[in-house]
Amino acid sequence: MGPNAANSYARSAAASPAVGELRKKRRNKLIIYTHLFAIFQTGIILIFSFIIMKV
């Protein structure tokens, strides 16, 4: 049994920044999609309110 036998999830030092960068990209994508969804929902609400209120 080698030194990494207890920790089977050991990562090399070179892989750590890549994992952090991937998380950052995923988080940014989630934020962008959340904002786009909010804008889309606002547009739908405005359209329905204008139709119902006949502005």
PDB file of N, CA and C in Angstrom:
ATOM      1  N   MET A   1       0.838  -1.182   0.000  1.00  0.00           N
ATOM      2  CA  MET A   1       0.000   0.000   0.000  1.00  0.00           C
ATOM      3  C   MET A   1       0.880   1.242   0.000  1.00  0.00           C
ATOM      4  N   GLY A   2       0.591   2.139  -0.922  1.00  0.00           N
ATOM      5  CA  GLY A   2       1.388   3.343  -1.048  1.00  0.00           C
ATOM      6  C   GLY A   2       0.911   4.434  -0.106  1.00  0.00           C
ATOM      7  N   PRO A   3       1.530   5.583  -0.193  1.00  0.00           N
ATOM      8  CA  PRO A   3       1.159   6.690   0.698  1.00  0.00           C
ATOM      9  C   PRO A   3      -0.238   7.231   0.415  1.00  0.00           C
ATOM     10  N   ASN A   4      -0.758   7.020  -0.790  1.00  0.00           N
ATOM     11  CA  ASN A   4      -2.086   7.521  -1.136  1.00  0.00           C
ATOM     12  C   ASN A   4      -3.174   6.476  -0.954  1.00  0.00           C
ATOM     13  N   ALA A   5      -2.863   5.373  -0.303  1.00  0.00           N
ATOM     14  CA  ALA A   5      -3.840   4.301  -0.140  1.00  0.00           C
ATOM     15  C   ALA A   5      -5.017   4.742   0.724  1.00  0.00           C
ATOM     16  N   ALA A   6      -4.772   5.549   1.735  1.00  0.00           N
ATOM     17  CA  ALA A   6      -5.851   5.999   2.614  1.00  0.00           C
ATOM     18  C   ALA A   6      -6.729   7.027   1.918  1.00  0.00           C
ATOM     19  N   ASN A   7      -6.146   7.812   1.028  1.00  0.00           N
ATOM     20  CA  ASN A   7      -6.893   8.848   0.333  1.00  0.00           C
ATOM     21  C   ASN A   7      -6.941   8.489  -1.146  1.00  0.00           C
ATOM     22  N   SER A   8      -7.998   7.821  -1.549  1.00  0.00           N
ATOM     23  CA  SER A   8      -8.107   7.406  -2.948  1.00  0.00           C
ATOM     24  C   SER A   8      -8.512   8.558  -3.853  1.00  0.00           C
ATOM     25  N   TYR A   9      -8.844   9.716  -3.268  1.00  0.00           N
ATOM     26  CA  TYR A   9      -9.270  10.867  -4.052  1.00  0.00           C
ATOM     27  C   TYR A   9      -8.163  11.900  -4.210  1.00  0.00           C
ATOM     28  N   ALA A  10      -6.924  11.488  -4.056  1.00  0.00           N
ATOM     29  CA  ALA A  10      -5.803  12.418  -4.157  1.00  0.00           C
ATOM     30  C   ALA A  10      -5.729  12.978  -5.572  1.00  0.00           C
ATOM     31  N   ARG A  11      -5.481  14.285  -5.648  1.00  0.00           N
ATOM     32  CA  ARG A  11      -5.359  14.948  -6.937  1.00  0.00           C
ATOM     33  C   ARG A  11      -3.975  15.548  -7.037  1.00  0.00           C
ATOM     34  N   SER A  12      -3.508  15.675  -8.250  1.00  0.00           N
ATOM     35  CA  SER A  12      -2.217  16.321  -8.439  1.00  0.00           C
ATOM     36  C   SER A  12      -2.387  17.825  -8.256  1.00  0.00           C
ATOM     37  N   ALA A  13      -1.297  18.507  -8.011  1.00  0.00           N
ATOM     38  CA  ALA A  13      -1.348  19.955  -7.805  1.00  0.00           C
ATOM     39  C   ALA A  13      -1.762  20.667  -9.087  1.00  0.00           C
ATOM     40  N   ALA A  14      -1.476  20.074 -10.230  1.00  0.00           N
ATOM     41  CA  ALA A  14      -1.822  20.699 -11.505  1.00  0.00           C
ATOM     42  C   ALA A  14      -3.317  20.638 -11.772  1.00  0.00           C
ATOM     43  N   ALA A  15      -4.021  19.671 -11.214  1.00  0.00           N
ATOM     44  CA  ALA A  15      -5.447  19.517 -11.481  1.00  0.00           C
ATOM     45  C   ALA A  15      -6.291  20.463 -10.634  1.00  0.00           C
ATOM     46  N   SER A  16      -5.785  20.928  -9.512  1.00  0.00           N
ATOM     47  CA  SER A  16      -6.563  21.778  -8.612  1.00  0.00           C
ATOM     48  C   SER A  16      -7.015  23.087  -9.258  1.00  0.00           C
ATOM     49  N   PRO A  17      -6.148  23.845  -9.922  1.00  0.00           N
ATOM     50  CA  PRO A  17      -6.634  25.076 -10.559  1.00  0.00           C
ATOM     51  C   PRO A  17      -7.671  24.803 -11.645  1.00  0.00           C
ATOM     52  N   ALA A  18      -7.526  23.703 -12.350  1.00  0.00           N
ATOM     53  CA  ALA A  18      -8.483  23.379 -13.403  1.00  0.00           C
ATOM     54  C   ALA A  18      -9.860  23.109 -12.811  1.00  0.00           C
ATOM     55  N   VAL A  19      -9.902  22.452 -11.668  1.00  0.00           N
ATOM     56  CA  VAL A  19     -11.176  22.171 -11.012  1.00  0.00           C
ATOM     57  C   VAL A  19     -11.815  23.474 -10.552  1.00  0.00           C
ATOM     58  N   GLY A  20     -11.037  24.370  -9.986  1.00  0.00           N
ATOM     59  CA  GLY A  20     -11.554  25.666  -9.546  1.00  0.00           C
ATOM     60  C   GLY A  20     -12.069  26.490 -10.706  1.00  0.00           C
ATOM     61  N   GLU A  21     -11.354  26.444 -11.817  1.00  0.00           N
ATOM     62  CA  GLU A  21     -11.776  27.179 -13.009  1.00  0.00           C
ATOM     63  C   GLU A  21     -13.076  26.612 -13.554  1.00  0.00           C
ATOM     64  N   LEU A  22     -13.219  25.297 -13.529  1.00  0.00           N
ATOM     65  CA  LEU A  22     -14.447  24.661 -14.003  1.00  0.00           C
ATOM     66  C   LEU A  22     -15.630  25.060 -13.131  1.00  0.00           C
ATOM     67  N   ARG A  23     -15.430  25.089 -11.820  1.00  0.00           N
ATOM     68  CA  ARG A  23     -16.506  25.511 -10.908  1.00  0.00           C
ATOM     69  C   ARG A  23     -16.897  26.958 -11.164  1.00  0.00           C
ATOM     70  N   LYS A  24     -15.901  27.806 -11.408  1.00  0.00           N
ATOM     71  CA  LYS A  24     -16.173  29.217 -11.670  1.00  0.00           C
ATOM     72  C   LYS A  24     -16.978  29.383 -12.953  1.00  0.00           C
ATOM     73  N   LYS A  25     -16.630  28.631 -13.994  1.00  0.00           N
ATOM     74  CA  LYS A  25     -17.367  28.699 -15.257  1.00  0.00           C
ATOM     75  C   LYS A  25     -18.800  28.223 -15.077  1.00  0.00           C
ATOM     76  N   ARG A  26     -18.973  27.132 -14.329  1.00  0.00           N
ATOM     77  CA  ARG A  26     -20.329  26.623 -14.091  1.00  0.00           C
ATOM     78  C   ARG A  26     -21.160  27.622 -13.301  1.00  0.00           C
ATOM     79  N   ARG A  27     -20.534  28.246 -12.291  1.00  0.00           N
ATOM     80  CA  ARG A  27     -21.261  29.223 -11.480  1.00  0.00           C
ATOM     81  C   ARG A  27     -21.649  30.437 -12.319  1.00  0.00           C
ATOM     82  N   ASN A  28     -20.736  30.903 -13.171  1.00  0.00           N
ATOM     83  CA  ASN A  28     -21.040  32.037 -14.036  1.00  0.00           C
ATOM     84  C   ASN A  28     -22.153  31.698 -15.011  1.00  0.00           C
ATOM     85  N   LYS A  29     -22.135  30.482 -15.542  1.00  0.00           N
ATOM     86  CA  LYS A  29     -23.187  30.062 -16.463  1.00  0.00           C
ATOM     87  C   LYS A  29     -24.535  30.025 -15.749  1.00  0.00           C
ATOM     88  N   LEU A  30     -24.546  29.538 -14.513  1.00  0.00           N
ATOM     89  CA  LEU A  30     -25.776  29.487 -13.731  1.00  0.00           C
ATOM     90  C   LEU A  30     -26.305  30.893 -13.471  1.00  0.00           C
ATOM     91  N   ILE A  31     -25.420  31.815 -13.142  1.00  0.00           N
ATOM     92  CA  ILE A  31     -25.836  33.199 -12.896  1.00  0.00           C
ATOM     93  C   ILE A  31     -26.412  33.819 -14.163  1.00  0.00           C
ATOM     94  N   ILE A  32     -25.764  33.589 -15.297  1.00  0.00           N
ATOM     95  CA  ILE A  32     -26.246  34.140 -16.565  1.00  0.00           C
ATOM     96  C   ILE A  32     -27.619  33.580 -16.902  1.00  0.00           C
ATOM     97  N   TYR A  33     -27.787  32.258 -16.796  1.00  0.00           N
ATOM     98  CA  TYR A  33     -29.076  31.653 -17.107  1.00  0.00           C
ATOM     99  C   TYR A  33     -30.161  32.112 -16.145  1.00  0.00           C
ATOM    100  N   THR A  34     -29.821  32.326 -14.873  1.00  0.00           N
ATOM    101  CA  THR A  34     -30.802  32.809 -13.904  1.00  0.00           C
ATOM    102  C   THR A  34     -31.262  34.219 -14.271  1.00  0.00           C
ATOM    103  N   HIS A  35     -30.328  35.073 -14.654  1.00  0.00           N
ATOM    104  CA  HIS A  35     -30.698  36.432 -15.054  1.00  0.00           C
ATOM    105  C   HIS A  35     -31.532  36.426 -16.333  1.00  0.00           C
ATOM    106  N   LEU A  36     -31.154  35.596 -17.295  1.00  0.00           N
ATOM    107  CA  LEU A  36     -31.934  35.516 -18.527  1.00  0.00           C
ATOM    108  C   LEU A  36     -33.348  35.021 -18.256  1.00  0.00           C
ATOM    109  N   PHE A  37     -33.495  34.059 -17.360  1.00  0.00           N
ATOM    110  CA  PHE A  37     -34.817  33.558 -17.000  1.00  0.00           C
ATOM    111  C   PHE A  37     -35.647  34.655 -16.335  1.00  0.00           C
ATOM    112  N   ALA A  38     -35.025  35.436 -15.452  1.00  0.00           N
ATOM    113  CA  ALA A  38     -35.738  36.523 -14.781  1.00  0.00           C
ATOM    114  C   ALA A  38     -36.207  37.572 -15.790  1.00  0.00           C
ATOM    115  N   ILE A  39     -35.356  37.904 -16.758  1.00  0.00           N
ATOM    116  CA  ILE A  39     -35.735  38.866 -17.797  1.00  0.00           C
ATOM    117  C   ILE A  39     -36.871  38.308 -18.644  1.00  0.00           C
ATOM    118  N   PHE A  40     -36.786  37.038 -19.004  1.00  0.00           N
ATOM    119  CA  PHE A  40     -37.832  36.389 -19.791  1.00  0.00           C
ATOM    120  C   PHE A  40     -39.157  36.407 -19.036  1.00  0.00           C
ATOM    121  N   GLN A  41     -39.124  36.054 -17.753  1.00  0.00           N
ATOM    122  CA  GLN A  41     -40.347  36.040 -16.943  1.00  0.00           C
ATOM    123  C   GLN A  41     -40.934  37.443 -16.824  1.00  0.00           C
ATOM    124  N   THR A  42     -40.091  38.449 -16.673  1.00  0.00           N
ATOM    125  CA  THR A  42     -40.567  39.830 -16.600  1.00  0.00           C
ATOM    126  C   THR A  42     -41.264  40.220 -17.893  1.00  0.00           C
ATOM    127  N   GLY A  43     -40.691  39.831 -19.021  1.00  0.00           N
ATOM    128  CA  GLY A  43     -41.317  40.111 -20.312  1.00  0.00           C
ATOM    129  C   GLY A  43     -42.668  39.442 -20.454  1.00  0.00           C
ATOM    130  N   ILE A  44     -42.773  38.193 -20.048  1.00  0.00           N
ATOM    131  CA  ILE A  44     -44.048  37.470 -20.127  1.00  0.00           C
ATOM    132  C   ILE A  44     -45.088  38.138 -19.235  1.00  0.00           C
ATOM    133  N   ILE A  45     -44.698  38.509 -18.020  1.00  0.00           N
ATOM    134  CA  ILE A  45     -45.632  39.177 -17.101  1.00  0.00           C
ATOM    135  C   ILE A  45     -46.096  40.505 -17.689  1.00  0.00           C
ATOM    136  N   LEU A  46     -45.183  41.271 -18.279  1.00  0.00           N
ATOM    137  CA  LEU A  46     -45.562  42.543 -18.893  1.00  0.00           C
ATOM    138  C   LEU A  46     -46.523  42.338 -20.056  1.00  0.00           C
ATOM    139  N   ILE A  47     -46.255  41.352 -20.887  1.00  0.00           N
ATOM    140  CA  ILE A  47     -47.141  41.082 -22.026  1.00  0.00           C
ATOM    141  C   ILE A  47     -48.541  40.739 -21.544  1.00  0.00           C
ATOM    142  N   PHE A  48     -48.642  39.831 -20.579  1.00  0.00           N
ATOM    143  CA  PHE A  48     -49.962  39.456 -20.073  1.00  0.00           C
ATOM    144  C   PHE A  48     -50.646  40.624 -19.373  1.00  0.00           C
ATOM    145  N   SER A  49     -49.898  41.426 -18.622  1.00  0.00           N
ATOM    146  CA  SER A  49     -50.533  42.556 -17.939  1.00  0.00           C
ATOM    147  C   SER A  49     -51.012  43.600 -18.946  1.00  0.00           C
ATOM    148  N   PHE A  50     -50.263  43.829 -20.019  1.00  0.00           N
ATOM    149  CA  PHE A  50     -50.714  44.772 -21.042  1.00  0.00           C
ATOM    150  C   PHE A  50     -51.943  44.253 -21.771  1.00  0.00           C
ATOM    151  N   ILE A  51     -52.007  42.956 -22.005  1.00  0.00           N
ATOM    152  CA  ILE A  51     -53.171  42.378 -22.677  1.00  0.00           C
ATOM    153  C   ILE A  51     -54.403  42.482 -21.777  1.00  0.00           C
ATOM    154  N   ILE A  52     -54.253  42.141 -20.514  1.00  0.00           N
ATOM    155  CA  ILE A  52     -55.396  42.152 -19.601  1.00  0.00           C
ATOM    156  C   ILE A  52     -55.843  43.578 -19.301  1.00  0.00           C
ATOM    157  N   MET A  53     -54.892  44.496 -19.100  1.00  0.00           N
ATOM    158  CA  MET A  53     -55.245  45.875 -18.768  1.00  0.00           C
ATOM    159  C   MET A  53     -55.552  46.703 -20.012  1.00  0.00           C
ATOM    160  N   LYS A  54     -55.234  46.201 -21.171  1.00  0.00           N
ATOM    161  CA  LYS A  54     -55.449  46.882 -22.460  1.00  0.00           C
ATOM    162  C   LYS A  54     -54.839  48.284 -22.457  1.00  0.00           C
ATOM    163  N   VAL A  55     -53.568  48.322 -22.130  1.00  0.00           N
ATOM    164  CA  VAL A  55     -52.861  49.604 -22.088  1.00  0.00           C
ATOM    165  C   VAL A  55     -52.454  49.995 -23.489  1.00  0.00           C
TER     166      VAL A  55
END
